PDB file of all heavy atoms in Angstrom:
ATOM      1  N   GLU A   1      32.102 -15.796   5.651  1.00  0.00           N
ATOM      2  CA  GLU A   1      33.527 -16.149   5.683  1.00  0.00           C
ATOM      3  C   GLU A   1      34.398 -14.904   5.750  1.00  0.00           C
ATOM      4  O   GLU A   1      35.446 -14.893   6.407  1.00  0.00           O
ATOM      5  CB  GLU A   1      33.887 -16.968   4.440  1.00  0.00           C
ATOM      6  CG  GLU A   1      35.298 -17.510   4.456  1.00  0.00           C
ATOM      7  CD  GLU A   1      35.612 -18.387   3.263  1.00  0.00           C
ATOM      8  OE1 GLU A   1      34.678 -18.725   2.499  1.00  0.00           O
ATOM      9  OE2 GLU A   1      36.806 -18.733   3.075  1.00  0.00           O
ATOM     10  N   LEU A   2      33.969 -13.836   5.097  1.00  0.00           N
ATOM     11  CA  LEU A   2      34.716 -12.581   5.083  1.00  0.00           C
ATOM     12  C   LEU A   2      34.447 -11.734   6.321  1.00  0.00           C
ATOM     13  O   LEU A   2      35.056 -10.678   6.502  1.00  0.00           O
ATOM     14  CB  LEU A   2      34.339 -11.776   3.824  1.00  0.00           C
ATOM     15  CG  LEU A   2      34.772 -12.353   2.478  1.00  0.00           C
ATOM     16  CD1 LEU A   2      34.001 -11.689   1.345  1.00  0.00           C
ATOM     17  CD2 LEU A   2      36.273 -12.181   2.289  1.00  0.00           C
ATOM     18  N   ARG A   3      33.492 -12.205   7.134  1.00  0.00           N
ATOM     19  CA  ARG A   3      33.080 -11.491   8.337  1.00  0.00           C
ATOM     20  C   ARG A   3      32.516 -10.104   7.998  1.00  0.00           C
ATOM     21  O   ARG A   3      32.781  -9.118   8.707  1.00  0.00           O
ATOM     22  CB  ARG A   3      34.239 -11.385   9.328  1.00  0.00           C
ATOM     23  CG  ARG A   3      34.706 -12.750   9.828  1.00  0.00           C
ATOM     24  CD  ARG A   3      35.823 -12.649  10.832  1.00  0.00           C
ATOM     25  NE  ARG A   3      36.254 -13.964  11.283  1.00  0.00           N
ATOM     26  CZ  ARG A   3      37.248 -14.177  12.145  1.00  0.00           C
ATOM     27  NH1 ARG A   3      37.922 -13.142  12.653  1.00  0.00           N
ATOM     28  NH2 ARG A   3      37.580 -15.404  12.505  1.00  0.00           N
ATOM     29  N   VAL A   4      31.772 -10.084   6.909  1.00  0.00           N
ATOM     30  CA  VAL A   4      31.108  -8.850   6.497  1.00  0.00           C
ATOM     31  C   VAL A   4      29.720  -8.825   7.103  1.00  0.00           C
ATOM     32  O   VAL A   4      28.926  -9.747   6.919  1.00  0.00           O
ATOM     33  CB  VAL A   4      31.002  -8.767   4.956  1.00  0.00           C
ATOM     34  CG1 VAL A   4      30.135  -7.574   4.547  1.00  0.00           C
ATOM     35  CG2 VAL A   4      32.390  -8.656   4.332  1.00  0.00           C
ATOM     36  N   SER A   5      29.410  -7.783   7.822  1.00  0.00           N
ATOM     37  CA  SER A   5      28.098  -7.642   8.436  1.00  0.00           C
ATOM     38  C   SER A   5      27.141  -7.000   7.433  1.00  0.00           C
ATOM     39  O   SER A   5      27.434  -5.936   6.875  1.00  0.00           O
ATOM     40  CB  SER A   5      28.203  -6.773   9.689  1.00  0.00           C
ATOM     41  OG  SER A   5      26.931  -6.592  10.268  1.00  0.00           O
ATOM     42  N   ILE A   6      25.999  -7.660   7.190  1.00  0.00           N
ATOM     43  CA  ILE A   6      25.005  -7.140   6.253  1.00  0.00           C
ATOM     44  C   ILE A   6      24.084  -6.171   6.993  1.00  0.00           C
ATOM     45  O   ILE A   6      23.418  -6.564   7.957  1.00  0.00           O
ATOM     46  CB  ILE A   6      24.169  -8.284   5.640  1.00  0.00           C
ATOM     47  CG1 ILE A   6      25.066  -9.357   5.019  1.00  0.00           C
ATOM     48  CG2 ILE A   6      23.199  -7.720   4.595  1.00  0.00           C
ATOM     49  CD1 ILE A   6      25.925  -8.868   3.893  1.00  0.00           C
ATOM     50  N   PRO A   7      24.033  -4.917   6.579  1.00  0.00           N
ATOM     51  CA  PRO A   7      23.167  -3.941   7.265  1.00  0.00           C
ATOM     52  C   PRO A   7      21.697  -4.375   7.216  1.00  0.00           C
ATOM     53  O   PRO A   7      21.250  -4.958   6.234  1.00  0.00           O
ATOM     54  CB  PRO A   7      23.374  -2.655   6.449  1.00  0.00           C
ATOM     55  CG  PRO A   7      24.671  -2.854   5.733  1.00  0.00           C
ATOM     56  CD  PRO A   7      24.777  -4.316   5.461  1.00  0.00           C
ATOM     57  N   GLU A   8      20.975  -4.087   8.277  1.00  0.00           N
ATOM     58  CA  GLU A   8      19.564  -4.463   8.323  1.00  0.00           C
ATOM     59  C   GLU A   8      18.733  -3.739   7.274  1.00  0.00           C
ATOM     60  O   GLU A   8      17.684  -4.229   6.855  1.00  0.00           O
ATOM     61  CB  GLU A   8      18.990  -4.196   9.724  1.00  0.00           C
ATOM     62  CG  GLU A   8      19.447  -5.203  10.766  1.00  0.00           C
ATOM     63  CD  GLU A   8      18.620  -5.099  12.038  1.00  0.00           C
ATOM     64  OE1 GLU A   8      17.579  -4.427  12.013  1.00  0.00           O
ATOM     65  OE2 GLU A   8      19.019  -5.698  13.054  1.00  0.00           O
ATOM     66  N   ASP A   9      19.189  -2.581   6.842  1.00  0.00           N
ATOM     67  CA  ASP A   9      18.438  -1.825   5.843  1.00  0.00           C
ATOM     68  C   ASP A   9      18.891  -2.120   4.407  1.00  0.00           C
ATOM     69  O   ASP A   9      18.508  -1.413   3.479  1.00  0.00           O
ATOM     70  CB  ASP A   9      18.525  -0.325   6.122  1.00  0.00           C
ATOM     71  CG  ASP A   9      19.967   0.187   6.110  1.00  0.00           C
ATOM     72  OD1 ASP A   9      20.891  -0.649   6.019  1.00  0.00           O
ATOM     73  OD2 ASP A   9      20.155   1.414   6.185  1.00  0.00           O
ATOM     74  N   MET A  10      19.707  -3.183   4.232  1.00  0.00           N
ATOM     75  CA  MET A  10      20.117  -3.578   2.879  1.00  0.00           C
ATOM     76  C   MET A  10      18.876  -3.927   2.062  1.00  0.00           C
ATOM     77  O   MET A  10      17.964  -4.611   2.544  1.00  0.00           O
ATOM     78  CB  MET A  10      21.051  -4.790   2.939  1.00  0.00           C
ATOM     79  CG  MET A  10      21.526  -5.282   1.571  1.00  0.00           C
ATOM     80  SD  MET A  10      22.742  -4.183   0.821  1.00  0.00           S
ATOM     81  CE  MET A  10      24.254  -4.799   1.608  1.00  0.00           C
ATOM     82  N   LYS A  11      18.832  -3.477   0.819  1.00  0.00           N
ATOM     83  CA  LYS A  11      17.710  -3.777  -0.069  1.00  0.00           C
ATOM     84  C   LYS A  11      18.116  -4.877  -1.052  1.00  0.00           C
ATOM     85  O   LYS A  11      19.284  -4.967  -1.445  1.00  0.00           O
ATOM     86  CB  LYS A  11      17.263  -2.520  -0.818  1.00  0.00           C
ATOM     87  CG  LYS A  11      16.676  -1.454   0.093  1.00  0.00           C
ATOM     88  CD  LYS A  11      16.275  -0.204  -0.692  1.00  0.00           C
ATOM     89  CE  LYS A  11      15.698   0.848   0.240  1.00  0.00           C
ATOM     90  NZ  LYS A  11      15.363   2.104  -0.485  1.00  0.00           N
ATOM     91  N   TYR A  12      17.136  -5.695  -1.445  1.00  0.00           N
ATOM     92  CA  TYR A  12      17.400  -6.819  -2.343  1.00  0.00           C
ATOM     93  C   TYR A  12      16.493  -6.729  -3.566  1.00  0.00           C
ATOM     94  O   TYR A  12      15.269  -6.695  -3.449  1.00  0.00           O
ATOM     95  CB  TYR A  12      17.177  -8.142  -1.607  1.00  0.00           C
ATOM     96  CG  TYR A  12      18.023  -8.266  -0.358  1.00  0.00           C
ATOM     97  CD1 TYR A  12      17.469  -8.027   0.906  1.00  0.00           C
ATOM     98  CD2 TYR A  12      19.369  -8.594  -0.439  1.00  0.00           C
ATOM     99  CE1 TYR A  12      18.246  -8.109   2.056  1.00  0.00           C
ATOM    100  CE2 TYR A  12      20.154  -8.689   0.707  1.00  0.00           C
ATOM    101  CZ  TYR A  12      19.584  -8.451   1.950  1.00  0.00           C
ATOM    102  OH  TYR A  12      20.357  -8.538   3.079  1.00  0.00           O
ATOM    103  N   PHE A  13      17.107  -6.705  -4.732  1.00  0.00           N
ATOM    104  CA  PHE A  13      16.384  -6.634  -5.997  1.00  0.00           C
ATOM    105  C   PHE A  13      16.575  -7.972  -6.709  1.00  0.00           C
ATOM    106  O   PHE A  13      17.707  -8.345  -7.062  1.00  0.00           O
ATOM    107  CB  PHE A  13      16.898  -5.468  -6.837  1.00  0.00           C
ATOM    108  CG  PHE A  13      16.566  -4.128  -6.236  1.00  0.00           C
ATOM    109  CD1 PHE A  13      17.298  -3.629  -5.158  1.00  0.00           C
ATOM    110  CD2 PHE A  13      15.506  -3.376  -6.721  1.00  0.00           C
ATOM    111  CE1 PHE A  13      16.988  -2.401  -4.582  1.00  0.00           C
ATOM    112  CE2 PHE A  13      15.187  -2.146  -6.157  1.00  0.00           C
ATOM    113  CZ  PHE A  13      15.924  -1.658  -5.082  1.00  0.00           C
ATOM    114  N   CYS A  14      15.482  -8.703  -6.916  1.00  0.00           N
ATOM    115  CA  CYS A  14      15.557 -10.082  -7.392  1.00  0.00           C
ATOM    116  C   CYS A  14      14.868 -10.268  -8.742  1.00  0.00           C
ATOM    117  O   CYS A  14      13.925  -9.558  -9.078  1.00  0.00           O
ATOM    118  CB  CYS A  14      14.926 -11.024  -6.364  1.00  0.00           C
ATOM    119  SG  CYS A  14      15.680 -10.874  -4.718  1.00  0.00           S
ATOM    120  N   ILE A  15      15.338 -11.247  -9.483  1.00  0.00           N
ATOM    121  CA  ILE A  15      14.813 -11.520 -10.814  1.00  0.00           C
ATOM    122  C   ILE A  15      13.379 -12.023 -10.781  1.00  0.00           C
ATOM    123  O   ILE A  15      12.630 -11.849 -11.729  1.00  0.00           O
ATOM    124  CB  ILE A  15      15.722 -12.542 -11.546  1.00  0.00           C
ATOM    125  CG1 ILE A  15      15.411 -12.601 -13.040  1.00  0.00           C
ATOM    126  CG2 ILE A  15      15.607 -13.912 -10.920  1.00  0.00           C
ATOM    127  CD1 ILE A  15      15.791 -11.381 -13.813  1.00  0.00           C
ATOM    128  N   SER A  16      12.967 -12.642  -9.668  1.00  0.00           N
ATOM    129  CA  SER A  16      11.606 -13.186  -9.576  1.00  0.00           C
ATOM    130  C   SER A  16      11.169 -13.261  -8.124  1.00  0.00           C
ATOM    131  O   SER A  16      11.979 -13.138  -7.196  1.00  0.00           O
ATOM    132  CB  SER A  16      11.561 -14.591 -10.187  1.00  0.00           C
ATOM    133  OG  SER A  16      12.316 -15.501  -9.402  1.00  0.00           O
ATOM    134  N   GLU A  17       9.887 -13.491  -7.933  1.00  0.00           N
ATOM    135  CA  GLU A  17       9.359 -13.634  -6.577  1.00  0.00           C
ATOM    136  C   GLU A  17       9.951 -14.873  -5.901  1.00  0.00           C
ATOM    137  O   GLU A  17      10.247 -14.860  -4.703  1.00  0.00           O
ATOM    138  CB  GLU A  17       7.837 -13.739  -6.611  1.00  0.00           C
ATOM    139  CG  GLU A  17       7.211 -13.845  -5.228  1.00  0.00           C
ATOM    140  CD  GLU A  17       5.695 -13.886  -5.261  1.00  0.00           C
ATOM    141  OE1 GLU A  17       5.128 -14.159  -6.344  1.00  0.00           O
ATOM    142  OE2 GLU A  17       5.071 -13.671  -4.199  1.00  0.00           O
ATOM    143  N   GLN A  18      10.117 -15.952  -6.671  1.00  0.00           N
ATOM    144  CA  GLN A  18      10.675 -17.187  -6.115  1.00  0.00           C
ATOM    145  C   GLN A  18      12.070 -16.948  -5.541  1.00  0.00           C
ATOM    146  O   GLN A  18      12.396 -17.404  -4.444  1.00  0.00           O
ATOM    147  CB  GLN A  18      10.723 -18.261  -7.204  1.00  0.00           C
ATOM    148  CG  GLN A  18      11.233 -19.612  -6.709  1.00  0.00           C
ATOM    149  CD  GLN A  18      11.298 -20.640  -7.824  1.00  0.00           C
ATOM    150  OE1 GLN A  18      11.479 -20.294  -8.980  1.00  0.00           O
ATOM    151  NE2 GLN A  18      11.127 -21.904  -7.478  1.00  0.00           N
ATOM    152  N   VAL A  19      12.894 -16.221  -6.281  1.00  0.00           N
ATOM    153  CA  VAL A  19      14.239 -15.898  -5.804  1.00  0.00           C
ATOM    154  C   VAL A  19      14.159 -14.971  -4.596  1.00  0.00           C
ATOM    155  O   VAL A  19      14.877 -15.148  -3.607  1.00  0.00           O
ATOM    156  CB  VAL A  19      15.075 -15.260  -6.933  1.00  0.00           C
ATOM    157  CG1 VAL A  19      16.405 -14.736  -6.398  1.00  0.00           C
ATOM    158  CG2 VAL A  19      15.322 -16.264  -8.053  1.00  0.00           C
ATOM    159  N   SER A  20      13.254 -14.005  -4.642  1.00  0.00           N
ATOM    160  CA  SER A  20      13.100 -13.063  -3.538  1.00  0.00           C
ATOM    161  C   SER A  20      12.725 -13.764  -2.237  1.00  0.00           C
ATOM    162  O   SER A  20      13.285 -13.474  -1.175  1.00  0.00           O
ATOM    163  CB  SER A  20      12.035 -12.022  -3.905  1.00  0.00           C
ATOM    164  OG  SER A  20      11.819 -11.120  -2.847  1.00  0.00           O
ATOM    165  N   LEU A  21      11.783 -14.697  -2.321  1.00  0.00           N
ATOM    166  CA  LEU A  21      11.338 -15.412  -1.116  1.00  0.00           C
ATOM    167  C   LEU A  21      12.452 -16.268  -0.519  1.00  0.00           C
ATOM    168  O   LEU A  21      12.470 -16.533   0.685  1.00  0.00           O
ATOM    169  CB  LEU A  21      10.125 -16.283  -1.454  1.00  0.00           C
ATOM    170  CG  LEU A  21       8.824 -15.525  -1.742  1.00  0.00           C
ATOM    171  CD1 LEU A  21       7.760 -16.482  -2.269  1.00  0.00           C
ATOM    172  CD2 LEU A  21       8.323 -14.816  -0.493  1.00  0.00           C
ATOM    173  N   TYR A  22      13.389 -16.709  -1.351  1.00  0.00           N
ATOM    174  CA  TYR A  22      14.481 -17.569  -0.885  1.00  0.00           C
ATOM    175  C   TYR A  22      15.401 -16.831   0.093  1.00  0.00           C
ATOM    176  O   TYR A  22      16.082 -17.459   0.907  1.00  0.00           O
ATOM    177  CB  TYR A  22      15.271 -18.068  -2.090  1.00  0.00           C
ATOM    178  CG  TYR A  22      16.294 -19.139  -1.776  1.00  0.00           C
ATOM    179  CD1 TYR A  22      15.897 -20.431  -1.444  1.00  0.00           C
ATOM    180  CD2 TYR A  22      17.663 -18.859  -1.821  1.00  0.00           C
ATOM    181  CE1 TYR A  22      16.833 -21.416  -1.164  1.00  0.00           C
ATOM    182  CE2 TYR A  22      18.606 -19.838  -1.547  1.00  0.00           C
ATOM    183  CZ  TYR A  22      18.188 -21.109  -1.215  1.00  0.00           C
ATOM    184  OH  TYR A  22      19.106 -22.091  -0.942  1.00  0.00           O
ATOM    185  N   ILE A  23      15.408 -15.503   0.022  1.00  0.00           N
ATOM    186  CA  ILE A  23      16.281 -14.706   0.891  1.00  0.00           C
ATOM    187  C   ILE A  23      15.969 -14.935   2.362  1.00  0.00           C
ATOM    188  O   ILE A  23      16.851 -14.822   3.220  1.00  0.00           O
ATOM    189  CB  ILE A  23      16.164 -13.210   0.534  1.00  0.00           C
ATOM    190  CG1 ILE A  23      16.723 -12.964  -0.870  1.00  0.00           C
ATOM    191  CG2 ILE A  23      16.902 -12.339   1.537  1.00  0.00           C
ATOM    192  CD1 ILE A  23      16.530 -11.547  -1.363  1.00  0.00           C
ATOM    193  N   GLN A  24      14.700 -15.274   2.662  1.00  0.00           N
ATOM    194  CA  GLN A  24      14.319 -15.450   4.070  1.00  0.00           C
ATOM    195  C   GLN A  24      15.044 -16.627   4.721  1.00  0.00           C
ATOM    196  O   GLN A  24      15.007 -16.782   5.943  1.00  0.00           O
ATOM    197  CB  GLN A  24      12.815 -15.630   4.194  1.00  0.00           C
ATOM    198  CG  GLN A  24      12.235 -16.842   3.528  1.00  0.00           C
ATOM    199  CD  GLN A  24      10.714 -16.803   3.531  1.00  0.00           C
ATOM    200  OE1 GLN A  24      10.096 -16.246   4.424  1.00  0.00           O
ATOM    201  NE2 GLN A  24      10.108 -17.385   2.513  1.00  0.00           N
ATOM    202  N   LYS A  25      15.742 -17.422   3.930  1.00  0.00           N
ATOM    203  CA  LYS A  25      16.583 -18.487   4.482  1.00  0.00           C
ATOM    204  C   LYS A  25      17.751 -17.877   5.275  1.00  0.00           C
ATOM    205  O   LYS A  25      18.303 -18.524   6.167  1.00  0.00           O
ATOM    206  CB  LYS A  25      17.110 -19.364   3.343  1.00  0.00           C
ATOM    207  CG  LYS A  25      18.038 -20.473   3.755  1.00  0.00           C
ATOM    208  CD  LYS A  25      18.487 -21.305   2.554  1.00  0.00           C
ATOM    209  CE  LYS A  25      19.490 -22.383   2.947  1.00  0.00           C
ATOM    210  NZ  LYS A  25      19.955 -23.170   1.772  1.00  0.00           N
ATOM    211  N   PHE A  26      18.084 -16.620   4.956  1.00  0.00           N
ATOM    212  CA  PHE A  26      19.258 -15.994   5.562  1.00  0.00           C
ATOM    213  C   PHE A  26      18.940 -14.754   6.396  1.00  0.00           C
ATOM    214  O   PHE A  26      19.641 -14.474   7.369  1.00  0.00           O
ATOM    215  CB  PHE A  26      20.263 -15.611   4.463  1.00  0.00           C
ATOM    216  CG  PHE A  26      20.730 -16.787   3.652  1.00  0.00           C
ATOM    217  CD1 PHE A  26      20.104 -17.110   2.457  1.00  0.00           C
ATOM    218  CD2 PHE A  26      21.777 -17.581   4.088  1.00  0.00           C
ATOM    219  CE1 PHE A  26      20.524 -18.193   1.701  1.00  0.00           C
ATOM    220  CE2 PHE A  26      22.195 -18.673   3.354  1.00  0.00           C
ATOM    221  CZ  PHE A  26      21.564 -18.990   2.158  1.00  0.00           C
ATOM    222  N   VAL A  27      17.931 -13.995   5.991  1.00  0.00           N
ATOM    223  CA  VAL A  27      17.575 -12.786   6.741  1.00  0.00           C
ATOM    224  C   VAL A  27      16.063 -12.688   6.840  1.00  0.00           C
ATOM    225  O   VAL A  27      15.336 -13.313   6.067  1.00  0.00           O
ATOM    226  CB  VAL A  27      18.126 -11.502   6.056  1.00  0.00           C
ATOM    227  CG1 VAL A  27      19.641 -11.498   6.031  1.00  0.00           C
ATOM    228  CG2 VAL A  27      17.562 -11.356   4.654  1.00  0.00           C
ATOM    229  N   GLN A  28      15.608 -11.891   7.790  1.00  0.00           N
ATOM    230  CA  GLN A  28      14.169 -11.701   7.943  1.00  0.00           C
ATOM    231  C   GLN A  28      13.609 -11.039   6.683  1.00  0.00           C
ATOM    232  O   GLN A  28      14.135 -10.040   6.200  1.00  0.00           O
ATOM    233  CB  GLN A  28      13.874 -10.839   9.168  1.00  0.00           C
ATOM    234  CG  GLN A  28      12.384 -10.721   9.474  1.00  0.00           C
ATOM    235  CD  GLN A  28      12.120  -9.967  10.758  1.00  0.00           C
ATOM    236  OE1 GLN A  28      13.040  -9.581  11.462  1.00  0.00           O
ATOM    237  NE2 GLN A  28      10.858  -9.753  11.068  1.00  0.00           N
ATOM    238  N   TYR A  29      12.550 -11.621   6.171  1.00  0.00           N
ATOM    239  CA  TYR A  29      11.971 -11.134   4.914  1.00  0.00           C
ATOM    240  C   TYR A  29      11.043  -9.953   5.170  1.00  0.00           C
ATOM    241  O   TYR A  29      10.096 -10.050   5.946  1.00  0.00           O
ATOM    242  CB  TYR A  29      11.194 -12.258   4.231  1.00  0.00           C
ATOM    243  CG  TYR A  29      10.707 -11.926   2.840  1.00  0.00           C
ATOM    244  CD1 TYR A  29      11.505 -12.170   1.727  1.00  0.00           C
ATOM    245  CD2 TYR A  29       9.448 -11.369   2.628  1.00  0.00           C
ATOM    246  CE1 TYR A  29      11.068 -11.872   0.444  1.00  0.00           C
ATOM    247  CE2 TYR A  29       9.004 -11.063   1.359  1.00  0.00           C
ATOM    248  CZ  TYR A  29       9.813 -11.313   0.264  1.00  0.00           C
ATOM    249  OH  TYR A  29       9.386 -11.023  -1.005  1.00  0.00           O
ATOM    250  N   ARG A  30      11.340  -8.846   4.518  1.00  0.00           N
ATOM    251  CA  ARG A  30      10.474  -7.667   4.618  1.00  0.00           C
ATOM    252  C   ARG A  30      10.194  -7.156   3.213  1.00  0.00           C
ATOM    253  O   ARG A  30      11.104  -6.893   2.447  1.00  0.00           O
ATOM    254  CB  ARG A  30      11.158  -6.549   5.422  1.00  0.00           C
ATOM    255  CG  ARG A  30      11.403  -6.884   6.883  1.00  0.00           C
ATOM    256  CD  ARG A  30      11.849  -5.624   7.624  1.00  0.00           C
ATOM    257  NE  ARG A  30      12.136  -5.891   9.027  1.00  0.00           N
ATOM    258  CZ  ARG A  30      13.342  -6.176   9.497  1.00  0.00           C
ATOM    259  NH1 ARG A  30      14.364  -6.248   8.662  1.00  0.00           N
ATOM    260  NH2 ARG A  30      13.530  -6.386  10.786  1.00  0.00           N
ATOM    261  N   LYS A  31       8.916  -7.038   2.890  1.00  0.00           N
ATOM    262  CA  LYS A  31       8.535  -6.606   1.544  1.00  0.00           C
ATOM    263  C   LYS A  31       9.083  -5.233   1.185  1.00  0.00           C
ATOM    264  O   LYS A  31       9.363  -4.946   0.033  1.00  0.00           O
ATOM    265  CB  LYS A  31       7.009  -6.623   1.398  1.00  0.00           C
ATOM    266  CG  LYS A  31       6.430  -8.028   1.310  1.00  0.00           C
ATOM    267  CD  LYS A  31       4.945  -7.996   0.990  1.00  0.00           C
ATOM    268  CE  LYS A  31       4.404  -9.420   0.824  1.00  0.00           C
ATOM    269  NZ  LYS A  31       2.962  -9.422   0.496  1.00  0.00           N
ATOM    270  N   ARG A  32       9.239  -4.386   2.179  1.00  0.00           N
ATOM    271  CA  ARG A  32       9.729  -3.046   1.879  1.00  0.00           C
ATOM    272  C   ARG A  32      11.214  -3.057   1.508  1.00  0.00           C
ATOM    273  O   ARG A  32      11.747  -2.043   1.066  1.00  0.00           O
ATOM    274  CB  ARG A  32       9.496  -2.114   3.072  1.00  0.00           C
ATOM    275  CG  ARG A  32      10.216  -2.527   4.337  1.00  0.00           C
ATOM    276  CD  ARG A  32       9.865  -1.583   5.494  1.00  0.00           C
ATOM    277  NE  ARG A  32      10.409  -2.026   6.762  1.00  0.00           N
ATOM    278  CZ  ARG A  32      11.658  -1.793   7.153  1.00  0.00           C
ATOM    279  NH1 ARG A  32      12.482  -1.132   6.358  1.00  0.00           N
ATOM    280  NH2 ARG A  32      12.087  -2.219   8.325  1.00  0.00           N
ATOM    281  N   LYS A  33      11.871  -4.189   1.716  1.00  0.00           N
ATOM    282  CA  LYS A  33      13.284  -4.287   1.353  1.00  0.00           C
ATOM    283  C   LYS A  33      13.514  -5.197   0.148  1.00  0.00           C
ATOM    284  O   LYS A  33      14.620  -5.269  -0.369  1.00  0.00           O
ATOM    285  CB  LYS A  33      14.103  -4.834   2.525  1.00  0.00           C
ATOM    286  CG  LYS A  33      14.149  -3.937   3.751  1.00  0.00           C
ATOM    287  CD  LYS A  33      15.297  -4.333   4.667  1.00  0.00           C
ATOM    288  CE  LYS A  33      15.295  -5.836   4.956  1.00  0.00           C
ATOM    289  NZ  LYS A  33      16.460  -6.241   5.766  1.00  0.00           N
ATOM    290  N   ASN A  34      12.497  -5.924  -0.279  1.00  0.00           N
ATOM    291  CA  ASN A  34      12.630  -6.880  -1.375  1.00  0.00           C
ATOM    292  C   ASN A  34      11.795  -6.451  -2.565  1.00  0.00           C
ATOM    293  O   ASN A  34      10.604  -6.154  -2.422  1.00  0.00           O
ATOM    294  CB  ASN A  34      12.204  -8.281  -0.914  1.00  0.00           C
ATOM    295  CG  ASN A  34      13.172  -8.876   0.084  1.00  0.00           C
ATOM    296  OD1 ASN A  34      13.365  -8.329   1.163  1.00  0.00           O
ATOM    297  ND2 ASN A  34      13.786  -9.972  -0.266  1.00  0.00           N
ATOM    298  N   PHE A  35      12.418  -6.466  -3.738  1.00  0.00           N
ATOM    299  CA  PHE A  35      11.749  -5.997  -4.949  1.00  0.00           C
ATOM    300  C   PHE A  35      11.968  -7.004  -6.078  1.00  0.00           C
ATOM    301  O   PHE A  35      13.057  -7.575  -6.202  1.00  0.00           O
ATOM    302  CB  PHE A  35      12.294  -4.630  -5.354  1.00  0.00           C
ATOM    303  CG  PHE A  35      12.274  -3.613  -4.245  1.00  0.00           C
ATOM    304  CD1 PHE A  35      13.353  -3.500  -3.366  1.00  0.00           C
ATOM    305  CD2 PHE A  35      11.182  -2.780  -4.063  1.00  0.00           C
ATOM    306  CE1 PHE A  35      13.344  -2.575  -2.333  1.00  0.00           C
ATOM    307  CE2 PHE A  35      11.152  -1.850  -3.039  1.00  0.00           C
ATOM    308  CZ  PHE A  35      12.236  -1.742  -2.169  1.00  0.00           C
ATOM    309  N   PHE A  36      10.934  -7.207  -6.881  1.00  0.00           N
ATOM    310  CA  PHE A  36      11.052  -8.133  -8.007  1.00  0.00           C
ATOM    311  C   PHE A  36       9.965  -7.820  -9.035  1.00  0.00           C
ATOM    312  O   PHE A  36       8.902  -7.284  -8.691  1.00  0.00           O
ATOM    313  CB  PHE A  36      10.909  -9.591  -7.531  1.00  0.00           C
ATOM    314  CG  PHE A  36       9.603  -9.866  -6.830  1.00  0.00           C
ATOM    315  CD1 PHE A  36       8.460 -10.217  -7.537  1.00  0.00           C
ATOM    316  CD2 PHE A  36       9.505  -9.754  -5.442  1.00  0.00           C
ATOM    317  CE1 PHE A  36       7.253 -10.454  -6.882  1.00  0.00           C
ATOM    318  CE2 PHE A  36       8.300  -9.982  -4.783  1.00  0.00           C
ATOM    319  CZ  PHE A  36       7.174 -10.334  -5.509  1.00  0.00           C
ATOM    320  N   PRO A  37      10.209  -8.139 -10.313  1.00  0.00           N
ATOM    321  CA  PRO A  37       9.196  -7.944 -11.345  1.00  0.00           C
ATOM    322  C   PRO A  37       8.289  -9.164 -11.441  1.00  0.00           C
ATOM    323  O   PRO A  37       8.733 -10.291 -11.192  1.00  0.00           O
ATOM    324  CB  PRO A  37      10.029  -7.783 -12.622  1.00  0.00           C
ATOM    325  CG  PRO A  37      11.225  -8.654 -12.361  1.00  0.00           C
ATOM    326  CD  PRO A  37      11.502  -8.553 -10.884  1.00  0.00           C
ATOM    327  N   GLU A  38       7.047  -8.961 -11.785  1.00  0.00           N
ATOM    328  CA  GLU A  38       6.109 -10.081 -11.923  1.00  0.00           C
ATOM    329  C   GLU A  38       6.522 -11.012 -13.057  1.00  0.00           C
ATOM    330  O   GLU A  38       6.263 -12.210 -13.021  1.00  0.00           O
ATOM    331  CB  GLU A  38       4.694  -9.554 -12.173  1.00  0.00           C
ATOM    332  CG  GLU A  38       4.089  -8.779 -11.005  1.00  0.00           C
ATOM    333  CD  GLU A  38       3.866  -9.645  -9.777  1.00  0.00           C
ATOM    334  OE1 GLU A  38       3.699 -10.877  -9.931  1.00  0.00           O
ATOM    335  OE2 GLU A  38       3.857  -9.103  -8.654  1.00  0.00           O
ATOM    336  N   SER A  39       7.180 -10.453 -14.077  1.00  0.00           N
ATOM    337  CA  SER A  39       7.528 -11.245 -15.266  1.00  0.00           C
ATOM    338  C   SER A  39       8.692 -12.196 -15.045  1.00  0.00           C
ATOM    339  O   SER A  39       8.861 -13.160 -15.788  1.00  0.00           O
ATOM    340  CB  SER A  39       7.880 -10.301 -16.420  1.00  0.00           C
ATOM    341  OG  SER A  39       9.085  -9.588 -16.125  1.00  0.00           O
ATOM    342  N   GLY A  40       9.520 -11.920 -14.029  1.00  0.00           N
ATOM    343  CA  GLY A  40      10.710 -12.743 -13.817  1.00  0.00           C
ATOM    344  C   GLY A  40      11.802 -12.472 -14.837  1.00  0.00           C
ATOM    345  O   GLY A  40      12.660 -13.324 -15.081  1.00  0.00           O
ATOM    346  N   GLN A  41      11.809 -11.281 -15.426  1.00  0.00           N
ATOM    347  CA  GLN A  41      12.802 -10.935 -16.445  1.00  0.00           C
ATOM    348  C   GLN A  41      13.598  -9.695 -16.031  1.00  0.00           C
ATOM    349  O   GLN A  41      13.068  -8.760 -15.442  1.00  0.00           O
ATOM    350  CB  GLN A  41      12.118 -10.677 -17.789  1.00  0.00           C
ATOM    351  CG  GLN A  41      11.424 -11.903 -18.357  1.00  0.00           C
ATOM    352  CD  GLN A  41      10.860 -11.646 -19.733  1.00  0.00           C
ATOM    353  OE1 GLN A  41      11.444 -10.923 -20.530  1.00  0.00           O
ATOM    354  NE2 GLN A  41       9.715 -12.248 -20.023  1.00  0.00           N
ATOM    355  N   MET A  42      14.886  -9.716 -16.388  1.00  0.00           N
ATOM    356  CA  MET A  42      15.784  -8.634 -15.995  1.00  0.00           C
ATOM    357  C   MET A  42      15.348  -7.302 -16.580  1.00  0.00           C
ATOM    358  O   MET A  42      15.449  -6.259 -15.920  1.00  0.00           O
ATOM    359  CB  MET A  42      17.212  -8.966 -16.448  1.00  0.00           C
ATOM    360  CG  MET A  42      18.279  -8.070 -15.835  1.00  0.00           C
ATOM    361  SD  MET A  42      18.389  -8.309 -14.036  1.00  0.00           S
ATOM    362  CE  MET A  42      19.207  -6.797 -13.547  1.00  0.00           C
ATOM    363  N   LYS A  43      14.829  -7.313 -17.791  1.00  0.00           N
ATOM    364  CA  LYS A  43      14.423  -6.063 -18.437  1.00  0.00           C
ATOM    365  C   LYS A  43      13.311  -5.357 -17.658  1.00  0.00           C
ATOM    366  O   LYS A  43      13.147  -4.134 -17.771  1.00  0.00           O
ATOM    367  CB  LYS A  43      13.986  -6.318 -19.879  1.00  0.00           C
ATOM    368  CG  LYS A  43      12.713  -7.142 -20.036  1.00  0.00           C
ATOM    369  CD  LYS A  43      12.370  -7.334 -21.498  1.00  0.00           C
ATOM    370  CE  LYS A  43      11.089  -8.145 -21.690  1.00  0.00           C
ATOM    371  NZ  LYS A  43       9.900  -7.466 -21.171  1.00  0.00           N
TER     372      LYS A  43
END
């Protein structure tokens, strides 16, 4: 809506793998750009 272009090299840090995988609904999923802890906890 804001017409903001998301750079292809944007990195995504997610609370869990489930949340991380959901990103592929909007952009191509690349493991080198997506990071998450196995525990699913912010700490």
